[in-house]
Amino acid sequence: LLDGVVVYNPSHLFGFFSTFNPDALKNVLLMKGTFPARYGDRLSSVLDVTNLDGNRNDFSLKTSLDLISAGATLEGPVGESGSWMISGRRTYQEVLNSPLFDHIVDDMFSTRTGTFSASPAPPGGGSRGAFGAPRFGSGRFNFGTTTSSFDQTYNFYDLNFKANWDASRADVFSLSGYLGKDVLD
């Protein structure tokens, strides 16, 4: 769950990266097994993720850069009674075009083809069985690998946002959202 909403596919790049941007998170709660009834009819576990509420005092900007992605989180107040947060992250693998990434994708999408050929019969017909057919074990398998023939460019992006407004001491209105996409050509 992300801010109480079910996320059905919470990963990027075949499961190697999480959909949840670490710079936009306030709280992560993992419940394995027994959990409260408010989570409905879940079968095994619940991962309940909460986005940042936003800074209620000052504007702030946080940036991040790692080997495969870059991101920024901007947050600030809305008058005296609210806050907002927006956070984005994007990979730049297509710029680097890493040989390791190309090798991983080639291995994932390659096909193995094989042929079977019978060994020639030795003089005297010793390896032939009944009716002239080759005996079991006299054949040979030859395997070859054909790699993918497409240029592997991949990227993904995430955008999280959240706005809060305190209508009173007991009532808080909150609007949050997520937008993301994987691009694999």
C-alpha atoms as a PDB file:
ATOM      1  CA  LEU A   1       0.000   0.000   0.000  1.00  0.00           C
ATOM      2  CA  LEU A   2       1.176   3.535  -0.775  1.00  0.00           C
ATOM      3  CA  ASP A   3      -0.651   6.075   1.414  1.00  0.00           C
ATOM      4  CA  GLY A   4      -3.482   3.539   1.807  1.00  0.00           C
ATOM      5  CA  VAL A   5      -3.818   2.718  -1.910  1.00  0.00           C
ATOM      6  CA  VAL A   6      -2.972  -0.739  -3.295  1.00  0.00           C
ATOM      7  CA  VAL A   7       0.063  -0.882  -5.599  1.00  0.00           C
ATOM      8  CA  TYR A   8      -0.155  -4.015  -7.731  1.00  0.00           C
ATOM      9  CA  ASN A   9       3.289  -4.048  -9.369  1.00  0.00           C
ATOM     10  CA  PRO A  10       5.762  -2.371  -6.988  1.00  0.00           C
ATOM     11  CA  SER A  11       8.963  -2.851  -8.989  1.00  0.00           C
ATOM     12  CA  HIS A  12      11.006  -1.660 -11.952  1.00  0.00           C
ATOM     13  CA  LEU A  13      13.445  -3.517 -14.224  1.00  0.00           C
ATOM     14  CA  PHE A  14      12.012  -7.005 -13.743  1.00  0.00           C
ATOM     15  CA  GLY A  15      12.046  -6.607  -9.930  1.00  0.00           C
ATOM     16  CA  PHE A  16      15.555  -5.203  -9.462  1.00  0.00           C
ATOM     17  CA  PHE A  17      14.365  -1.751  -8.286  1.00  0.00           C
ATOM     18  CA  SER A  18      11.516  -0.754  -6.003  1.00  0.00           C
ATOM     19  CA  THR A  19       8.724   1.535  -7.164  1.00  0.00           C
ATOM     20  CA  PHE A  20       8.962   3.323  -3.826  1.00  0.00           C
ATOM     21  CA  ASN A  21      11.359   6.269  -4.083  1.00  0.00           C
ATOM     22  CA  PRO A  22      13.369   6.291  -0.822  1.00  0.00           C
ATOM     23  CA  ASP A  23      13.642  10.105  -0.867  1.00  0.00           C
ATOM     24  CA  ALA A  24       9.838  10.458  -0.728  1.00  0.00           C
ATOM     25  CA  LEU A  25       9.164   8.038   2.137  1.00  0.00           C
ATOM     26  CA  LYS A  26       8.159   8.889   5.678  1.00  0.00           C
ATOM     27  CA  ASN A  27       7.390   5.424   7.049  1.00  0.00           C
ATOM     28  CA  VAL A  28       7.565   1.789   5.905  1.00  0.00           C
ATOM     29  CA  LEU A  29       5.797  -0.933   7.878  1.00  0.00           C
ATOM     30  CA  LEU A  30       6.127  -4.622   6.951  1.00  0.00           C
ATOM     31  CA  MET A  31       3.674  -7.026   8.562  1.00  0.00           C
ATOM     32  CA  LYS A  32       4.363 -10.714   7.989  1.00  0.00           C
ATOM     33  CA  GLY A  33       1.554 -13.043   8.946  1.00  0.00           C
ATOM     34  CA  THR A  34      -0.994 -11.704  11.413  1.00  0.00           C
ATOM     35  CA  PHE A  35      -2.173  -8.143  10.719  1.00  0.00           C
ATOM     36  CA  PRO A  36      -5.217  -6.001  11.588  1.00  0.00           C
ATOM     37  CA  ALA A  37      -8.565  -6.451   9.829  1.00  0.00           C
ATOM     38  CA  ARG A  38      -8.298  -3.008   8.183  1.00  0.00           C
ATOM     39  CA  TYR A  39      -5.946  -4.581   5.629  1.00  0.00           C
ATOM     40  CA  GLY A  40      -8.762  -6.796   4.340  1.00  0.00           C
ATOM     41  CA  ASP A  41      -8.262 -10.252   2.923  1.00  0.00           C
ATOM     42  CA  ARG A  42      -4.515 -10.205   2.295  1.00  0.00           C
ATOM     43  CA  LEU A  43      -3.022 -13.693   2.201  1.00  0.00           C
ATOM     44  CA  SER A  44       0.534 -13.485   3.503  1.00  0.00           C
ATOM     45  CA  SER A  45       1.961 -10.059   4.248  1.00  0.00           C
ATOM     46  CA  VAL A  46       1.415  -6.308   3.931  1.00  0.00           C
ATOM     47  CA  LEU A  47       3.928  -3.579   3.128  1.00  0.00           C
ATOM     48  CA  ASP A  48       2.370  -0.276   4.205  1.00  0.00           C
ATOM     49  CA  VAL A  49       4.327   2.714   2.834  1.00  0.00           C
ATOM     50  CA  THR A  50       3.627   6.351   3.769  1.00  0.00           C
ATOM     51  CA  ASN A  51       4.914   9.340   1.773  1.00  0.00           C
ATOM     52  CA  LEU A  52       6.464  12.393   3.401  1.00  0.00           C
ATOM     53  CA  ASP A  53       3.929  15.006   4.506  1.00  0.00           C
ATOM     54  CA  GLY A  54       6.087  17.954   3.487  1.00  0.00           C
ATOM     55  CA  ASN A  55       7.989  20.521   5.494  1.00  0.00           C
ATOM     56  CA  ARG A  56       5.560  22.822   7.370  1.00  0.00           C
ATOM     57  CA  ASN A  57       8.201  25.429   8.270  1.00  0.00           C
ATOM     58  CA  ASP A  58      10.505  26.131   5.311  1.00  0.00           C
ATOM     59  CA  PHE A  59      11.068  25.260   1.702  1.00  0.00           C
ATOM     60  CA  SER A  60      13.658  22.531   1.240  1.00  0.00           C
ATOM     61  CA  LEU A  61      15.292  20.773  -1.675  1.00  0.00           C
ATOM     62  CA  LYS A  62      17.103  17.447  -1.490  1.00  0.00           C
ATOM     63  CA  THR A  63      18.867  15.889  -4.479  1.00  0.00           C
ATOM     64  CA  SER A  64      20.308  12.421  -4.958  1.00  0.00           C
ATOM     65  CA  LEU A  65      22.627  10.852  -7.502  1.00  0.00           C
ATOM     66  CA  ASP A  66      23.772   7.241  -7.743  1.00  0.00           C
ATOM     67  CA  LEU A  67      25.175   4.903 -10.384  1.00  0.00           C
ATOM     68  CA  ILE A  68      21.898   4.440 -12.258  1.00  0.00           C
ATOM     69  CA  SER A  69      19.485   7.207 -11.210  1.00  0.00           C
ATOM     70  CA  ALA A  70      19.117  10.825 -10.151  1.00  0.00           C
ATOM     71  CA  GLY A  71      16.342  12.419  -8.148  1.00  0.00           C
ATOM     72  CA  ALA A  72      15.088  15.495  -6.359  1.00  0.00           C
ATOM     73  CA  THR A  73      12.596  16.146  -3.546  1.00  0.00           C
ATOM     74  CA  LEU A  74      11.068  19.577  -3.015  1.00  0.00           C
ATOM     75  CA  GLU A  75       8.793  20.393  -0.068  1.00  0.00           C
ATOM     76  CA  GLY A  76       7.349  23.386   1.711  1.00  0.00           C
ATOM     77  CA  PRO A  77       4.524  24.952   3.718  1.00  0.00           C
ATOM     78  CA  VAL A  78       1.062  26.043   2.559  1.00  0.00           C
ATOM     79  CA  GLY A  79       0.300  29.037   4.740  1.00  0.00           C
ATOM     80  CA  GLU A  80      -0.060  28.224   8.434  1.00  0.00           C
ATOM     81  CA  SER A  81      -2.158  25.091   8.013  1.00  0.00           C
ATOM     82  CA  GLY A  82      -0.654  22.817   5.382  1.00  0.00           C
ATOM     83  CA  SER A  83       2.300  21.430   3.486  1.00  0.00           C
ATOM     84  CA  TRP A  84       3.239  19.859   0.171  1.00  0.00           C
ATOM     85  CA  MET A  85       5.913  17.551  -1.210  1.00  0.00           C
ATOM     86  CA  ILE A  86       6.922  16.522  -4.718  1.00  0.00           C
ATOM     87  CA  SER A  87       9.650  13.992  -5.443  1.00  0.00           C
ATOM     88  CA  GLY A  88      10.960  12.621  -8.723  1.00  0.00           C
ATOM     89  CA  ARG A  89      13.522  10.050  -9.778  1.00  0.00           C
ATOM     90  CA  ARG A  90      14.750   8.931 -13.201  1.00  0.00           C
ATOM     91  CA  THR A  91      17.314   6.469 -14.453  1.00  0.00           C
ATOM     92  CA  TYR A  92      19.838   7.426 -17.072  1.00  0.00           C
ATOM     93  CA  GLN A  93      21.047   4.011 -18.196  1.00  0.00           C
ATOM     94  CA  GLU A  94      20.459   4.837 -21.864  1.00  0.00           C
ATOM     95  CA  VAL A  95      23.042   7.611 -21.520  1.00  0.00           C
ATOM     96  CA  LEU A  96      25.657   5.300 -20.028  1.00  0.00           C
ATOM     97  CA  ASN A  97      24.687   2.234 -22.127  1.00  0.00           C
ATOM     98  CA  SER A  98      26.503  -0.066 -19.743  1.00  0.00           C
ATOM     99  CA  PRO A  99      28.088  -3.243 -21.184  1.00  0.00           C
ATOM    100  CA  LEU A 100      27.051  -5.122 -18.014  1.00  0.00           C
ATOM    101  CA  PHE A 101      23.387  -4.155 -18.543  1.00  0.00           C
ATOM    102  CA  ASP A 102      23.608  -5.199 -22.214  1.00  0.00           C
ATOM    103  CA  HIS A 103      25.062  -8.566 -21.175  1.00  0.00           C
ATOM    104  CA  ILE A 104      22.291  -9.155 -18.583  1.00  0.00           C
ATOM    105  CA  VAL A 105      19.528  -8.324 -21.081  1.00  0.00           C
ATOM    106  CA  ASP A 106      21.168 -10.410 -23.822  1.00  0.00           C
ATOM    107  CA  ASP A 107      21.330 -13.357 -21.437  1.00  0.00           C
ATOM    108  CA  MET A 108      17.691 -12.910 -20.365  1.00  0.00           C
ATOM    109  CA  PHE A 109      16.364 -12.699 -23.943  1.00  0.00           C
ATOM    110  CA  SER A 110      18.713 -15.093 -25.734  1.00  0.00           C
ATOM    111  CA  THR A 111      17.444 -18.351 -27.125  1.00  0.00           C
ATOM    112  CA  ARG A 112      19.157 -21.709 -27.064  1.00  0.00           C
ATOM    113  CA  THR A 113      18.656 -23.889 -30.099  1.00  0.00           C
ATOM    114  CA  GLY A 114      19.796 -27.453 -30.444  1.00  0.00           C
ATOM    115  CA  THR A 115      20.164 -30.080 -33.098  1.00  0.00           C
ATOM    116  CA  PHE A 116      20.422 -33.818 -32.778  1.00  0.00           C
ATOM    117  CA  SER A 117      22.634 -35.802 -35.083  1.00  0.00           C
ATOM    118  CA  ALA A 118      23.283 -39.517 -35.083  1.00  0.00           C
ATOM    119  CA  SER A 119      26.868 -40.710 -35.097  1.00  0.00           C
ATOM    120  CA  PRO A 120      27.909 -42.513 -38.246  1.00  0.00           C
ATOM    121  CA  ALA A 121      27.825 -46.288 -37.873  1.00  0.00           C
ATOM    122  CA  PRO A 122      31.226 -47.909 -37.416  1.00  0.00           C
ATOM    123  CA  PRO A 123      32.291 -50.537 -39.927  1.00  0.00           C
ATOM    124  CA  GLY A 124      30.360 -53.714 -39.353  1.00  0.00           C
ATOM    125  CA  GLY A 125      27.200 -51.886 -38.137  1.00  0.00           C
ATOM    126  CA  GLY A 126      28.047 -52.233 -34.425  1.00  0.00           C
ATOM    127  CA  SER A 127      26.124 -49.137 -33.235  1.00  0.00           C
ATOM    128  CA  ARG A 128      22.944 -49.960 -35.105  1.00  0.00           C
ATOM    129  CA  GLY A 129      20.052 -51.601 -33.377  1.00  0.00           C
ATOM    130  CA  ALA A 130      17.106 -53.530 -34.721  1.00  0.00           C
ATOM    131  CA  PHE A 131      15.849 -52.458 -38.149  1.00  0.00           C
ATOM    132  CA  GLY A 132      19.012 -50.375 -38.751  1.00  0.00           C
ATOM    133  CA  ALA A 133      18.082 -47.537 -36.343  1.00  0.00           C
ATOM    134  CA  PRO A 134      20.861 -45.908 -34.277  1.00  0.00           C
ATOM    135  CA  ARG A 135      21.195 -47.322 -30.781  1.00  0.00           C
ATOM    136  CA  PHE A 136      20.340 -45.255 -27.693  1.00  0.00           C
ATOM    137  CA  GLY A 137      23.289 -43.055 -26.746  1.00  0.00           C
ATOM    138  CA  SER A 138      24.856 -42.975 -30.180  1.00  0.00           C
ATOM    139  CA  GLY A 139      23.536 -39.505 -31.014  1.00  0.00           C
ATOM    140  CA  ARG A 140      25.009 -36.090 -30.279  1.00  0.00           C
ATOM    141  CA  PHE A 141      23.317 -32.829 -29.249  1.00  0.00           C
ATOM    142  CA  ASN A 142      24.796 -29.590 -30.567  1.00  0.00           C
ATOM    143  CA  PHE A 143      23.647 -26.382 -28.888  1.00  0.00           C
ATOM    144  CA  GLY A 144      24.086 -22.832 -30.078  1.00  0.00           C
ATOM    145  CA  THR A 145      23.040 -19.505 -28.567  1.00  0.00           C
ATOM    146  CA  THR A 146      21.339 -16.739 -30.490  1.00  0.00           C
ATOM    147  CA  THR A 147      21.313 -13.439 -28.616  1.00  0.00           C
ATOM    148  CA  SER A 148      18.691 -10.750 -28.889  1.00  0.00           C
ATOM    149  CA  SER A 149      18.871  -8.575 -31.958  1.00  0.00           C
ATOM    150  CA  PHE A 150      17.479  -5.365 -30.484  1.00  0.00           C
ATOM    151  CA  ASP A 151      19.258  -2.390 -28.942  1.00  0.00           C
ATOM    152  CA  GLN A 152      18.597  -2.575 -25.199  1.00  0.00           C
ATOM    153  CA  THR A 153      17.667   0.879 -23.978  1.00  0.00           C
ATOM    154  CA  TYR A 154      15.915   0.991 -20.629  1.00  0.00           C
ATOM    155  CA  ASN A 155      14.808   3.706 -18.250  1.00  0.00           C
ATOM    156  CA  PHE A 156      12.155   4.351 -15.663  1.00  0.00           C
ATOM    157  CA  TYR A 157      10.838   7.332 -13.790  1.00  0.00           C
ATOM    158  CA  ASP A 158       8.817   7.901 -10.620  1.00  0.00           C
ATOM    159  CA  LEU A 159       6.958  10.994  -9.472  1.00  0.00           C
ATOM    160  CA  ASN A 160       5.400  11.171  -5.974  1.00  0.00           C
ATOM    161  CA  PHE A 161       3.418  14.095  -4.612  1.00  0.00           C
ATOM    162  CA  LYS A 162       1.457  14.844  -1.484  1.00  0.00           C
ATOM    163  CA  ALA A 163      -0.430  17.871  -0.165  1.00  0.00           C
ATOM    164  CA  ASN A 164      -1.940  18.292   3.325  1.00  0.00           C
ATOM    165  CA  TRP A 165      -4.353  20.872   4.710  1.00  0.00           C
ATOM    166  CA  ASP A 166      -5.490  21.043   8.339  1.00  0.00           C
ATOM    167  CA  ALA A 167      -9.168  22.049   8.331  1.00  0.00           C
ATOM    168  CA  SER A 168      -9.188  21.893  12.143  1.00  0.00           C
ATOM    169  CA  ARG A 169      -7.192  20.249  14.933  1.00  0.00           C
ATOM    170  CA  ALA A 170      -9.029  16.972  14.326  1.00  0.00           C
ATOM    171  CA  ASP A 171      -9.585  17.105  10.538  1.00  0.00           C
ATOM    172  CA  VAL A 172      -6.811  16.817   7.952  1.00  0.00           C
ATOM    173  CA  PHE A 173      -7.342  16.648   4.205  1.00  0.00           C
ATOM    174  CA  SER A 174      -4.635  14.877   2.269  1.00  0.00           C
ATOM    175  CA  LEU A 175      -4.106  14.349  -1.448  1.00  0.00           C
ATOM    176  CA  SER A 176      -1.320  12.067  -2.613  1.00  0.00           C
ATOM    177  CA  GLY A 177      -0.363  10.509  -5.897  1.00  0.00           C
ATOM    178  CA  TYR A 178       2.157   8.470  -7.803  1.00  0.00           C
ATOM    179  CA  LEU A 179       3.087   8.398 -11.469  1.00  0.00           C
ATOM    180  CA  GLY A 180       5.712   6.106 -12.940  1.00  0.00           C
ATOM    181  CA  LYS A 181       6.680   4.323 -16.111  1.00  0.00           C
ATOM    182  CA  ASP A 182       9.181   1.750 -17.373  1.00  0.00           C
ATOM    183  CA  VAL A 183      10.498   2.098 -20.914  1.00  0.00           C
ATOM    184  CA  LEU A 184      12.213  -0.921 -22.487  1.00  0.00           C
ATOM    185  CA  ASP A 185      12.935  -0.804 -26.214  1.00  0.00           C
END
